[in-house]
Amino acid sequence: MKRLFGIVLSAILLACSNPQEEAERLIDAMGETAQAGGDAVVDTSGWQQKWTVLQAAANSTDQDSLWARYQMISADIQASVPGGALYAIRTYFQVADSLPSRQEGALALFSAAVTFEEKLSDRGRAIQVLTMLVDRYPGTHMAETALAYRDVLVFENDESLLDKIHEWQTQESPPTP
């Protein structure tokens, strides 16, 4: 069975003259499925083939925004597969570590934090990764988003820390006896 899968996979890869073109066709098809009311990332059928196509495309490019695009989408696919969350997080961190001064790095860290929270229910690690994002990318839009999400995780609701403080400040003081 493994040999048959390897032969089929090799045939697919040989048929693709350009891995980037194949990856773009796959991404377009996934987008069309999502727009048609389906959920391309939640659909785990054929995930290995999708992952292989995206990894081949990533390996054929330099470590730039196109490489990050293929890596991030392959990580999203990994995260959607039961038991694949840690592999996805590893891929997100590869992007963040490879492109530390680019916005793709910040997005990768944010995606890792979301995966920790949503797929592994590990709120503590999600908060740590969000803090890492804020430290690495201070003053950016992604840092602001990370702070807001971190507040949601810390307070377990959708109010930010500043909203809570404002609410406490506007409350009437209790009467003194």
Protein backbone atom coordinates (compact mmCIF):
# COMPACT_ATOMS: atom_id res chain seq x y z
CA MET A 1 0.00 0.00 0.00
CA LYS A 2 2.80 2.41 0.90
CA ARG A 3 4.60 1.53 -2.31
CA LEU A 4 1.48 2.20 -4.36
CA PHE A 5 1.02 5.55 -2.63
CA GLY A 6 4.67 6.40 -3.34
CA ILE A 7 4.29 5.51 -7.02
CA VAL A 8 1.12 7.58 -7.37
CA LEU A 9 2.73 10.48 -5.55
CA SER A 10 5.83 10.28 -7.74
CA ALA A 11 3.66 10.27 -10.86
CA ILE A 12 1.82 13.35 -9.66
CA LEU A 13 5.05 15.17 -8.89
CA LEU A 14 6.57 14.22 -12.25
CA ALA A 15 3.43 15.38 -14.06
CA CYS A 16 3.83 18.79 -12.52
CA SER A 17 6.30 20.71 -14.57
CA ASN A 18 6.25 23.60 -12.13
CA PRO A 19 5.51 22.95 -8.44
CA GLN A 20 4.56 26.59 -7.90
CA GLU A 21 1.92 26.46 -10.64
CA GLU A 22 0.50 23.28 -9.15
CA ALA A 23 0.41 24.86 -5.68
CA GLU A 24 -1.35 27.95 -7.02
CA ARG A 25 -3.97 25.76 -8.75
CA LEU A 26 -4.49 23.90 -5.48
CA ILE A 27 -4.83 27.15 -3.53
CA ASP A 28 -7.32 28.49 -6.10
CA ALA A 29 -9.35 25.27 -5.89
CA MET A 30 -9.38 25.45 -2.10
CA GLY A 31 -10.53 29.08 -2.30
CA GLU A 32 -13.31 28.22 -4.73
CA THR A 33 -14.48 25.43 -2.44
CA ALA A 34 -14.58 27.83 0.50
CA GLN A 35 -16.48 30.46 -1.51
CA ALA A 36 -18.99 27.87 -2.67
CA GLY A 37 -19.99 27.23 0.93
CA GLY A 38 -17.59 24.39 1.61
CA ASP A 39 -14.76 24.47 4.07
CA ALA A 40 -11.54 23.65 2.22
CA VAL A 41 -9.32 23.64 5.30
CA VAL A 42 -11.65 21.48 7.43
CA ASP A 43 -11.94 18.89 4.66
CA THR A 44 -9.18 16.45 5.57
CA SER A 45 -9.60 14.18 2.55
CA GLY A 46 -6.47 14.19 0.46
CA TRP A 47 -4.58 16.29 2.97
CA GLN A 48 -1.31 14.44 2.34
CA GLN A 49 -1.45 15.17 -1.37
CA LYS A 50 -2.22 18.84 -0.72
CA TRP A 51 0.58 19.06 1.84
CA THR A 52 3.04 17.39 -0.56
CA VAL A 53 2.18 19.79 -3.39
CA LEU A 54 2.62 22.81 -1.11
CA GLN A 55 5.89 21.53 0.35
CA ALA A 56 7.27 20.86 -3.14
CA ALA A 57 6.40 24.41 -4.11
CA ALA A 58 7.97 25.80 -0.93
CA ASN A 59 11.12 23.80 -1.52
CA SER A 60 11.40 25.13 -5.07
CA THR A 61 11.37 28.79 -3.98
CA ASP A 62 13.67 30.99 -1.99
CA GLN A 63 12.75 31.80 1.59
CA ASP A 64 10.62 34.81 0.77
CA SER A 65 6.95 35.72 0.88
CA LEU A 66 6.04 33.04 -1.68
CA TRP A 67 7.83 30.42 0.39
CA ALA A 68 6.00 31.68 3.48
CA ARG A 69 2.67 31.51 1.63
CA TYR A 70 3.13 27.83 0.79
CA GLN A 71 4.44 26.98 4.25
CA MET A 72 1.58 28.79 6.01
CA ILE A 73 -1.10 27.10 3.90
CA SER A 74 0.51 23.69 4.41
CA ALA A 75 0.54 24.38 8.17
CA ASP A 76 -3.14 25.33 8.02
CA ILE A 77 -3.82 21.98 6.36
CA GLN A 78 -1.76 20.17 9.00
CA ALA A 79 -3.68 21.93 11.78
CA SER A 80 -6.99 20.74 10.33
CA VAL A 81 -5.96 17.09 10.51
CA PRO A 82 -6.57 15.31 13.82
CA GLY A 83 -3.21 14.97 15.53
CA GLY A 84 -1.51 17.44 13.19
CA ALA A 85 -1.52 20.54 15.40
CA LEU A 86 2.03 20.14 16.66
CA TYR A 87 3.33 19.69 13.11
CA ALA A 88 1.47 22.83 12.11
CA ILE A 89 2.96 24.76 15.02
CA ARG A 90 6.43 23.58 14.06
CA THR A 91 5.85 24.84 10.50
CA TYR A 92 4.54 28.19 11.77
CA PHE A 93 7.67 28.59 13.90
CA GLN A 94 9.89 27.74 10.92
CA VAL A 95 8.32 30.63 9.04
CA ALA A 96 8.61 32.98 12.03
CA ASP A 97 12.24 32.06 12.61
CA SER A 98 13.17 32.25 8.91
CA LEU A 99 11.53 35.63 8.32
CA PRO A 100 11.93 37.44 11.65
CA SER A 101 11.72 40.97 10.29
CA ARG A 102 8.78 40.45 7.95
CA GLN A 103 5.05 40.52 8.50
CA GLU A 104 4.81 36.84 7.53
CA GLY A 105 6.77 36.04 10.69
CA ALA A 106 4.26 37.88 12.83
CA LEU A 107 1.35 36.16 11.10
CA ALA A 108 3.03 32.79 11.64
CA LEU A 109 3.39 33.44 15.37
CA PHE A 110 -0.24 34.50 15.60
CA SER A 111 -1.31 31.34 13.76
CA ALA A 112 0.77 29.23 16.15
CA ALA A 113 -0.95 30.87 19.13
CA VAL A 114 -4.40 30.25 17.66
CA THR A 115 -3.47 26.62 17.02
CA PHE A 116 -2.28 26.18 20.61
CA GLU A 117 -5.57 27.59 21.88
CA GLU A 118 -8.09 26.10 19.46
CA LYS A 119 -6.58 22.73 18.59
CA LEU A 120 -4.66 21.85 21.77
CA SER A 121 -6.60 23.88 24.38
CA ASP A 122 -3.25 25.07 25.70
CA ARG A 123 -4.07 28.61 26.73
CA GLY A 124 -0.79 29.13 28.59
CA ARG A 125 1.36 28.41 25.54
CA ALA A 126 -0.93 30.49 23.35
CA ILE A 127 -0.39 33.45 25.70
CA GLN A 128 3.38 32.86 25.65
CA VAL A 129 3.46 32.90 21.84
CA LEU A 130 1.32 36.05 21.72
CA THR A 131 3.73 37.70 24.16
CA MET A 132 6.63 36.63 21.93
CA LEU A 133 4.85 38.22 18.95
CA VAL A 134 4.38 41.50 20.82
CA ASP A 135 8.04 41.50 21.88
CA ARG A 136 9.34 40.77 18.37
CA TYR A 137 7.02 43.15 16.50
CA PRO A 138 6.27 46.08 18.85
CA GLY A 139 4.06 48.84 17.53
CA THR A 140 2.72 46.84 14.59
CA HIS A 141 -0.87 46.04 13.72
CA MET A 142 -0.19 42.35 14.44
CA ALA A 143 1.15 43.25 17.89
CA GLU A 144 -2.06 45.17 18.65
CA THR A 145 -4.14 42.22 17.46
CA ALA A 146 -2.02 39.85 19.56
CA LEU A 147 -2.53 42.02 22.66
CA ALA A 148 -6.29 42.03 22.15
CA TYR A 149 -6.37 38.26 21.64
CA ARG A 150 -4.14 37.74 24.67
CA ASP A 151 -6.57 39.81 26.76
CA VAL A 152 -9.42 37.63 25.54
CA LEU A 153 -7.53 34.52 26.60
CA VAL A 154 -6.52 35.95 29.96
CA PHE A 155 -9.98 37.25 30.85
CA GLU A 156 -11.85 34.42 29.09
CA ASN A 157 -14.24 36.75 27.30
CA ASP A 158 -14.19 39.25 24.46
CA GLU A 159 -13.44 42.38 26.51
CA SER A 160 -9.99 43.88 26.40
CA LEU A 161 -8.05 44.88 29.48
CA LEU A 162 -8.61 48.58 28.76
CA ASP A 163 -12.36 48.05 28.57
CA LYS A 164 -12.26 46.32 31.96
CA ILE A 165 -10.24 49.13 33.54
CA HIS A 166 -12.61 51.74 32.11
CA GLU A 167 -15.57 49.80 33.44
CA TRP A 168 -14.01 49.64 36.92
CA GLN A 169 -13.22 53.36 36.87
CA THR A 170 -16.77 54.37 35.94
CA GLN A 171 -18.46 52.24 38.60
CA GLU A 172 -19.76 54.09 41.61
CA SER A 173 -17.81 53.72 44.79
CA PRO A 174 -19.60 51.72 47.43
CA PRO A 175 -21.10 53.85 50.19
CA THR A 176 -18.91 54.20 53.25
CA PRO A 177 -20.45 53.12 56.55
